[in-house]
Amino acid sequence: MNVGGTDFTLEFWLRFEAGANNSNPCTEGEDSWISGNIIFDRDIFGAPEYGDFGVSLAGGRIAFGVHNGTTGWTICSASVLAPNTWYHVAVVRRLNGDMRIFINGNLERSFTGPAGNVAYRPDRVPTYPNDPFLVIGAEKHDYNPTMYPSFSGWVDEVRISNTARYITSFSPPTTPFTPDSATVALYHLDEGSGTVVVDSSGAPGGPSNGQRMVGGPNGGPVYDGSIKRF
């Protein structure tokens, strides 16, 4: 799964407990998203060449950052998310630099950020073995968790698309996602056990299955069937 060479949309459902994510307030600027509690990390250690991007929860607000290899920028949602509540979150980025954050279908922030290709260059020699991957719930290089803290909470129904699905406010989905021609990865996160995270998109060249990296002081991440969005 490698997006950024075209418009793309990353969307998911999110929930967290009170006091679980205590990063600093969200501030807009170059790469400031990385200081929030990291939800999605497609960062590259060092110079990103084509570019990279990421999403975090910073001071209770969604932070979305993009870097094109030369310039980066982070935008913040207007709303502060409340604990113990499910939210549909969508971030959209277009090749012309347009960046958007939607919370429960409402357009929260739009900005013209760095333009151009931000996909991972397949022939790149990575600085770290996990550079090419999109990581959920942590800084992907395990680099200084105090400065770059992990997200603590629930993530469900992750869909990644190679188009800008949303430009204006919309009604959020009420059922699990189903794949279409623009879906490049779809993770229902319903496996319940095991370490393979199944991609249900049916996209050409797939599936882009993920791996659940188990460990750490809490033995996580874990599947929690008692708290699911659908």
C-alpha atoms as a PDB file:
ATOM      1  CA  MET A   1       0.000   0.000   0.000  1.00  0.00           C
ATOM      2  CA  ASN A   2       1.682   3.196  -1.157  1.00  0.00           C
ATOM      3  CA  VAL A   3      -0.291   6.414  -1.640  1.00  0.00           C
ATOM      4  CA  GLY A   4       0.824   9.989  -2.196  1.00  0.00           C
ATOM      5  CA  GLY A   5       1.624   9.895  -5.896  1.00  0.00           C
ATOM      6  CA  THR A   6      -2.001  10.911  -6.493  1.00  0.00           C
ATOM      7  CA  ASP A   7      -4.696  12.483  -4.338  1.00  0.00           C
ATOM      8  CA  PHE A   8      -5.446  10.284  -1.322  1.00  0.00           C
ATOM      9  CA  THR A   9      -7.803   9.862   1.620  1.00  0.00           C
ATOM     10  CA  LEU A  10      -7.020   8.154   4.925  1.00  0.00           C
ATOM     11  CA  GLU A  11     -10.087   7.538   7.097  1.00  0.00           C
ATOM     12  CA  PHE A  12     -10.823   5.579  10.241  1.00  0.00           C
ATOM     13  CA  TRP A  13     -12.819   5.442  13.468  1.00  0.00           C
ATOM     14  CA  LEU A  14     -11.191   6.540  16.709  1.00  0.00           C
ATOM     15  CA  ARG A  15     -11.933   6.342  20.441  1.00  0.00           C
ATOM     16  CA  PHE A  16      -9.834   6.907  23.580  1.00  0.00           C
ATOM     17  CA  GLU A  17     -10.151   7.126  27.347  1.00  0.00           C
ATOM     18  CA  ALA A  18      -9.792  10.256  29.458  1.00  0.00           C
ATOM     19  CA  GLY A  19      -6.198  11.014  30.377  1.00  0.00           C
ATOM     20  CA  ALA A  20      -4.760   8.450  27.988  1.00  0.00           C
ATOM     21  CA  ASN A  21      -3.109  10.850  25.491  1.00  0.00           C
ATOM     22  CA  ASN A  22      -1.341  13.785  27.086  1.00  0.00           C
ATOM     23  CA  SER A  23       0.801  15.273  24.335  1.00  0.00           C
ATOM     24  CA  ASN A  24       1.209  19.013  23.928  1.00  0.00           C
ATOM     25  CA  PRO A  25      -1.472  21.152  22.241  1.00  0.00           C
ATOM     26  CA  CYS A  26      -1.744  20.982  18.467  1.00  0.00           C
ATOM     27  CA  THR A  27       0.275  23.686  16.733  1.00  0.00           C
ATOM     28  CA  GLU A  28       0.429  24.260  13.000  1.00  0.00           C
ATOM     29  CA  GLY A  29       3.900  24.238  11.486  1.00  0.00           C
ATOM     30  CA  GLU A  30       6.453  22.041   9.793  1.00  0.00           C
ATOM     31  CA  ASP A  31       6.250  18.411  10.969  1.00  0.00           C
ATOM     32  CA  SER A  32       4.633  19.389  14.292  1.00  0.00           C
ATOM     33  CA  TRP A  33       2.190  16.448  14.006  1.00  0.00           C
ATOM     34  CA  ILE A  34       5.005  14.103  15.077  1.00  0.00           C
ATOM     35  CA  SER A  35       4.895  15.523  18.631  1.00  0.00           C
ATOM     36  CA  GLY A  36       1.287  14.429  19.163  1.00  0.00           C
ATOM     37  CA  ASN A  37       0.163  10.971  20.216  1.00  0.00           C
ATOM     38  CA  ILE A  38       0.828   9.230  16.909  1.00  0.00           C
ATOM     39  CA  ILE A  39      -2.097   7.440  15.243  1.00  0.00           C
ATOM     40  CA  PHE A  40      -0.661   6.887  11.733  1.00  0.00           C
ATOM     41  CA  ASP A  41       3.006   7.241  10.834  1.00  0.00           C
ATOM     42  CA  ARG A  42       4.272   7.108   7.273  1.00  0.00           C
ATOM     43  CA  ASP A  43       7.345   9.119   8.231  1.00  0.00           C
ATOM     44  CA  ILE A  44      10.824   8.482   6.844  1.00  0.00           C
ATOM     45  CA  PHE A  45      13.819   8.799   9.119  1.00  0.00           C
ATOM     46  CA  GLY A  46      15.953  11.643   7.818  1.00  0.00           C
ATOM     47  CA  ALA A  47      15.453  13.233   4.406  1.00  0.00           C
ATOM     48  CA  PRO A  48      12.104  12.002   3.013  1.00  0.00           C
ATOM     49  CA  GLU A  49      12.951  12.498  -0.677  1.00  0.00           C
ATOM     50  CA  TYR A  50       9.506  12.357  -2.292  1.00  0.00           C
ATOM     51  CA  GLY A  51       7.848  12.937   1.049  1.00  0.00           C
ATOM     52  CA  ASP A  52       5.941  11.516   3.984  1.00  0.00           C
ATOM     53  CA  PHE A  53       2.867  12.154   6.121  1.00  0.00           C
ATOM     54  CA  GLY A  54       1.237  11.332   9.439  1.00  0.00           C
ATOM     55  CA  VAL A  55      -1.734  11.803  11.755  1.00  0.00           C
ATOM     56  CA  SER A  56      -1.739  12.271  15.529  1.00  0.00           C
ATOM     57  CA  LEU A  57      -3.929  13.347  18.428  1.00  0.00           C
ATOM     58  CA  ALA A  58      -2.343  16.492  19.868  1.00  0.00           C
ATOM     59  CA  GLY A  59      -3.992  18.146  22.841  1.00  0.00           C
ATOM     60  CA  GLY A  60      -7.227  16.385  21.919  1.00  0.00           C
ATOM     61  CA  ARG A  61      -7.194  17.705  18.334  1.00  0.00           C
ATOM     62  CA  ILE A  62      -6.404  15.820  15.139  1.00  0.00           C
ATOM     63  CA  ALA A  63      -3.072  16.862  13.606  1.00  0.00           C
ATOM     64  CA  PHE A  64      -2.358  16.024   9.956  1.00  0.00           C
ATOM     65  CA  GLY A  65       1.065  16.659   8.480  1.00  0.00           C
ATOM     66  CA  VAL A  66       2.576  16.312   4.995  1.00  0.00           C
ATOM     67  CA  HIS A  67       6.161  16.808   3.824  1.00  0.00           C
ATOM     68  CA  ASN A  68       7.126  16.772   0.140  1.00  0.00           C
ATOM     69  CA  GLY A  69      10.855  16.260   0.681  1.00  0.00           C
ATOM     70  CA  THR A  70      11.577  19.983   0.762  1.00  0.00           C
ATOM     71  CA  THR A  71       8.791  21.609   2.768  1.00  0.00           C
ATOM     72  CA  GLY A  72       6.367  20.301   5.348  1.00  0.00           C
ATOM     73  CA  TRP A  73       3.254  21.539   7.093  1.00  0.00           C
ATOM     74  CA  THR A  74       0.830  20.357   9.783  1.00  0.00           C
ATOM     75  CA  ILE A  75      -2.801  21.419  10.174  1.00  0.00           C
ATOM     76  CA  CYS A  76      -5.050  20.968  13.223  1.00  0.00           C
ATOM     77  CA  SER A  77      -8.746  20.216  13.591  1.00  0.00           C
ATOM     78  CA  ALA A  78     -10.898  22.954  15.083  1.00  0.00           C
ATOM     79  CA  SER A  79     -12.674  20.549  17.429  1.00  0.00           C
ATOM     80  CA  VAL A  80     -11.252  19.026  20.593  1.00  0.00           C
ATOM     81  CA  LEU A  81     -12.286  15.364  20.710  1.00  0.00           C
ATOM     82  CA  ALA A  82     -13.997  14.075  23.842  1.00  0.00           C
ATOM     83  CA  PRO A  83     -12.968  10.824  25.529  1.00  0.00           C
ATOM     84  CA  ASN A  84     -15.069   7.652  25.412  1.00  0.00           C
ATOM     85  CA  THR A  85     -16.673   8.698  22.127  1.00  0.00           C
ATOM     86  CA  TRP A  86     -16.332   7.219  18.649  1.00  0.00           C
ATOM     87  CA  TYR A  87     -15.308   9.686  15.923  1.00  0.00           C
ATOM     88  CA  HIS A  88     -15.030   9.208  12.189  1.00  0.00           C
ATOM     89  CA  VAL A  89     -11.831  10.948  11.080  1.00  0.00           C
ATOM     90  CA  ALA A  90     -10.833  11.565   7.465  1.00  0.00           C
ATOM     91  CA  VAL A  91      -7.753  13.361   6.193  1.00  0.00           C
ATOM     92  CA  VAL A  92      -7.543  14.256   2.509  1.00  0.00           C
ATOM     93  CA  ARG A  93      -4.524  15.422   0.573  1.00  0.00           C
ATOM     94  CA  ARG A  94      -4.389  16.427  -3.093  1.00  0.00           C
ATOM     95  CA  LEU A  95      -1.344  16.723  -5.342  1.00  0.00           C
ATOM     96  CA  ASN A  96      -1.792  20.498  -5.559  1.00  0.00           C
ATOM     97  CA  GLY A  97      -1.062  20.667  -1.807  1.00  0.00           C
ATOM     98  CA  ASP A  98      -4.639  20.926  -0.567  1.00  0.00           C
ATOM     99  CA  MET A  99      -4.960  19.358   2.903  1.00  0.00           C
ATOM    100  CA  ARG A 100      -8.251  18.765   4.730  1.00  0.00           C
ATOM    101  CA  ILE A 101      -9.399  17.304   8.041  1.00  0.00           C
ATOM    102  CA  PHE A 102     -12.957  16.037   8.561  1.00  0.00           C
ATOM    103  CA  ILE A 103     -14.416  14.995  11.922  1.00  0.00           C
ATOM    104  CA  ASN A 104     -17.737  13.107  11.792  1.00  0.00           C
ATOM    105  CA  GLY A 105     -18.157  14.392   8.244  1.00  0.00           C
ATOM    106  CA  ASN A 106     -17.638  18.057   9.125  1.00  0.00           C
ATOM    107  CA  LEU A 107     -14.856  19.969   7.381  1.00  0.00           C
ATOM    108  CA  GLU A 108     -12.698  21.157  10.282  1.00  0.00           C
ATOM    109  CA  ARG A 109      -9.660  22.622   8.530  1.00  0.00           C
ATOM    110  CA  SER A 110      -8.356  23.154   5.024  1.00  0.00           C
ATOM    111  CA  PHE A 111      -5.022  24.570   3.942  1.00  0.00           C
ATOM    112  CA  THR A 112      -2.794  24.670   0.876  1.00  0.00           C
ATOM    113  CA  GLY A 113       0.328  22.864   2.023  1.00  0.00           C
ATOM    114  CA  PRO A 114       3.342  21.484   0.143  1.00  0.00           C
ATOM    115  CA  ALA A 115       2.467  20.160  -3.311  1.00  0.00           C
ATOM    116  CA  GLY A 116       3.752  17.214  -5.309  1.00  0.00           C
ATOM    117  CA  ASN A 117       4.443  13.520  -4.904  1.00  0.00           C
ATOM    118  CA  VAL A 118       4.678  12.285  -1.297  1.00  0.00           C
ATOM    119  CA  ALA A 119       4.618   8.543  -2.034  1.00  0.00           C
ATOM    120  CA  TYR A 120       7.406   6.262  -0.880  1.00  0.00           C
ATOM    121  CA  ARG A 121      10.015   5.757  -3.608  1.00  0.00           C
ATOM    122  CA  PRO A 122      10.102   1.953  -4.097  1.00  0.00           C
ATOM    123  CA  ASP A 123      13.790   1.815  -5.114  1.00  0.00           C
ATOM    124  CA  ARG A 124      14.894   3.863  -2.108  1.00  0.00           C
ATOM    125  CA  VAL A 125      17.470   2.264   0.203  1.00  0.00           C
ATOM    126  CA  PRO A 126      15.793   2.729   3.602  1.00  0.00           C
ATOM    127  CA  THR A 127      17.600   4.246   6.561  1.00  0.00           C
ATOM    128  CA  TYR A 128      15.574   1.922   8.798  1.00  0.00           C
ATOM    129  CA  PRO A 129      13.909  -1.347   7.649  1.00  0.00           C
ATOM    130  CA  ASN A 130      10.435  -0.058   8.562  1.00  0.00           C
ATOM    131  CA  ASP A 131      10.767   3.202   6.587  1.00  0.00           C
ATOM    132  CA  PRO A 132       8.472   2.003   3.737  1.00  0.00           C
ATOM    133  CA  PHE A 133       5.562   1.045   5.973  1.00  0.00           C
ATOM    134  CA  LEU A 134       2.509   2.795   7.354  1.00  0.00           C
ATOM    135  CA  VAL A 135       2.365   2.154  11.107  1.00  0.00           C
ATOM    136  CA  ILE A 136      -0.767   2.444  13.265  1.00  0.00           C
ATOM    137  CA  GLY A 137      -0.553   3.596  16.859  1.00  0.00           C
ATOM    138  CA  ALA A 138       3.127   4.408  17.293  1.00  0.00           C
ATOM    139  CA  GLU A 139       6.178   6.287  16.044  1.00  0.00           C
ATOM    140  CA  LYS A 140       7.408   3.760  13.521  1.00  0.00           C
ATOM    141  CA  HIS A 141      11.115   3.832  14.425  1.00  0.00           C
ATOM    142  CA  ASP A 142      10.680   3.432  18.221  1.00  0.00           C
ATOM    143  CA  TYR A 143      12.604   6.675  18.476  1.00  0.00           C
ATOM    144  CA  ASN A 144      12.293   8.566  21.786  1.00  0.00           C
ATOM    145  CA  PRO A 145       8.722   7.777  22.909  1.00  0.00           C
ATOM    146  CA  THR A 146       8.798  10.768  25.262  1.00  0.00           C
ATOM    147  CA  MET A 147       9.195  13.205  22.367  1.00  0.00           C
ATOM    148  CA  TYR A 148       7.087  11.190  19.921  1.00  0.00           C
ATOM    149  CA  PRO A 149       4.435   9.398  22.022  1.00  0.00           C
ATOM    150  CA  SER A 150       2.177   6.596  20.846  1.00  0.00           C
ATOM    151  CA  PHE A 151      -1.597   6.859  20.630  1.00  0.00           C
ATOM    152  CA  SER A 152      -3.471   4.978  23.363  1.00  0.00           C
ATOM    153  CA  GLY A 153      -7.006   4.004  22.426  1.00  0.00           C
ATOM    154  CA  TRP A 154      -9.047   2.188  19.788  1.00  0.00           C
ATOM    155  CA  VAL A 155      -8.775   2.401  15.993  1.00  0.00           C
ATOM    156  CA  ASP A 156     -11.306   0.674  13.744  1.00  0.00           C
ATOM    157  CA  GLU A 157     -12.347   0.436  10.070  1.00  0.00           C
ATOM    158  CA  VAL A 158      -9.296   1.903   8.324  1.00  0.00           C
ATOM    159  CA  ARG A 159      -9.752   2.724   4.643  1.00  0.00           C
ATOM    160  CA  ILE A 160      -7.112   4.237   2.373  1.00  0.00           C
ATOM    161  CA  SER A 161      -8.077   5.531  -1.059  1.00  0.00           C
ATOM    162  CA  ASN A 162      -6.172   6.867  -4.058  1.00  0.00           C
ATOM    163  CA  THR A 163      -8.585   9.746  -4.546  1.00  0.00           C
ATOM    164  CA  ALA A 164      -9.863  12.774  -2.639  1.00  0.00           C
ATOM    165  CA  ARG A 165     -13.125  11.226  -1.436  1.00  0.00           C
ATOM    166  CA  TYR A 166     -14.302  14.285   0.460  1.00  0.00           C
ATOM    167  CA  ILE A 167     -14.064  17.960  -0.477  1.00  0.00           C
ATOM    168  CA  THR A 168     -17.029  19.348   1.451  1.00  0.00           C
ATOM    169  CA  SER A 169     -18.826  18.130   4.565  1.00  0.00           C
ATOM    170  CA  PHE A 170     -20.574  14.750   4.266  1.00  0.00           C
ATOM    171  CA  SER A 171     -22.551  12.212   6.270  1.00  0.00           C
ATOM    172  CA  PRO A 172     -20.170   9.753   7.949  1.00  0.00           C
ATOM    173  CA  PRO A 173     -20.623   6.039   7.264  1.00  0.00           C
ATOM    174  CA  THR A 174     -22.997   4.034   9.451  1.00  0.00           C
ATOM    175  CA  THR A 175     -21.827   0.560   8.389  1.00  0.00           C
ATOM    176  CA  PRO A 176     -18.451  -1.068   7.703  1.00  0.00           C
ATOM    177  CA  PHE A 177     -16.677   0.096   4.567  1.00  0.00           C
ATOM    178  CA  THR A 178     -17.007  -1.871   1.344  1.00  0.00           C
ATOM    179  CA  PRO A 179     -14.248  -1.694  -1.266  1.00  0.00           C
ATOM    180  CA  ASP A 180     -14.562   0.149  -4.558  1.00  0.00           C
ATOM    181  CA  SER A 181     -12.190   0.994  -7.416  1.00  0.00           C
ATOM    182  CA  ALA A 182     -10.533   3.796  -5.407  1.00  0.00           C
ATOM    183  CA  THR A 183      -9.841   1.615  -2.341  1.00  0.00           C
ATOM    184  CA  VAL A 184      -6.173   0.636  -2.094  1.00  0.00           C
ATOM    185  CA  ALA A 185      -6.325  -0.807   1.437  1.00  0.00           C
ATOM    186  CA  LEU A 186      -9.171  -1.710   3.791  1.00  0.00           C
ATOM    187  CA  TYR A 187      -8.618  -3.001   7.318  1.00  0.00           C
ATOM    188  CA  HIS A 188     -11.720  -3.987   9.278  1.00  0.00           C
ATOM    189  CA  LEU A 189      -9.485  -5.076  12.194  1.00  0.00           C
ATOM    190  CA  ASP A 190     -11.874  -7.916  13.022  1.00  0.00           C
ATOM    191  CA  GLU A 191      -9.337 -10.749  13.124  1.00  0.00           C
ATOM    192  CA  GLY A 192      -9.582 -11.143  16.893  1.00  0.00           C
ATOM    193  CA  SER A 193      -6.326 -13.096  17.152  1.00  0.00           C
ATOM    194  CA  GLY A 194      -3.103 -13.780  15.311  1.00  0.00           C
ATOM    195  CA  THR A 195      -0.591 -11.331  13.909  1.00  0.00           C
ATOM    196  CA  VAL A 196      -1.830 -10.910  10.316  1.00  0.00           C
ATOM    197  CA  VAL A 197      -3.968  -7.804   9.728  1.00  0.00           C
ATOM    198  CA  VAL A 198      -6.075  -8.577   6.661  1.00  0.00           C
ATOM    199  CA  ASP A 199      -6.473  -6.133   3.789  1.00  0.00           C
ATOM    200  CA  SER A 200      -9.994  -6.600   2.382  1.00  0.00           C
ATOM    201  CA  SER A 201      -9.716  -4.071  -0.443  1.00  0.00           C
ATOM    202  CA  GLY A 202      -9.207  -6.500  -3.325  1.00  0.00           C
ATOM    203  CA  ALA A 203      -6.998  -3.831  -4.911  1.00  0.00           C
ATOM    204  CA  PRO A 204      -4.756  -4.785  -7.852  1.00  0.00           C
ATOM    205  CA  GLY A 205      -1.327  -5.904  -6.693  1.00  0.00           C
ATOM    206  CA  GLY A 206      -2.649  -6.748  -3.217  1.00  0.00           C
ATOM    207  CA  PRO A 207      -3.493  -7.783  -0.688  1.00  0.00           C
ATOM    208  CA  SER A 208      -1.527  -5.308   1.431  1.00  0.00           C
ATOM    209  CA  ASN A 209      -1.822  -7.286   4.631  1.00  0.00           C
ATOM    210  CA  GLY A 210      -0.381  -5.782   7.772  1.00  0.00           C
ATOM    211  CA  GLN A 211       1.405  -7.264  10.758  1.00  0.00           C
ATOM    212  CA  ARG A 212       0.375  -6.857  14.390  1.00  0.00           C
ATOM    213  CA  MET A 213       3.642  -6.236  16.211  1.00  0.00           C
ATOM    214  CA  VAL A 214       2.972  -7.639  19.680  1.00  0.00           C
ATOM    215  CA  GLY A 215       5.080  -6.666  22.684  1.00  0.00           C
ATOM    216  CA  GLY A 216       6.006  -3.854  25.022  1.00  0.00           C
ATOM    217  CA  PRO A 217       4.963  -3.421  28.649  1.00  0.00           C
ATOM    218  CA  ASN A 218       1.260  -3.920  27.861  1.00  0.00           C
ATOM    219  CA  GLY A 219       1.626  -6.814  25.442  1.00  0.00           C
ATOM    220  CA  GLY A 220      -0.206  -4.853  22.799  1.00  0.00           C
ATOM    221  CA  PRO A 221      -1.659  -3.934  20.507  1.00  0.00           C
ATOM    222  CA  VAL A 222      -4.638  -6.215  21.126  1.00  0.00           C
ATOM    223  CA  TYR A 223      -7.979  -6.876  19.473  1.00  0.00           C
ATOM    224  CA  ASP A 224     -10.861  -5.732  21.670  1.00  0.00           C
ATOM    225  CA  GLY A 225     -14.117  -7.218  20.466  1.00  0.00           C
ATOM    226  CA  SER A 226     -16.024  -5.597  23.344  1.00  0.00           C
ATOM    227  CA  ILE A 227     -15.399  -2.088  21.973  1.00  0.00           C
ATOM    228  CA  LYS A 228     -15.983  -2.035  18.225  1.00  0.00           C
ATOM    229  CA  ARG A 229     -17.460   0.736  16.137  1.00  0.00           C
ATOM    230  CA  PHE A 230     -19.573  -1.747  14.139  1.00  0.00           C
END
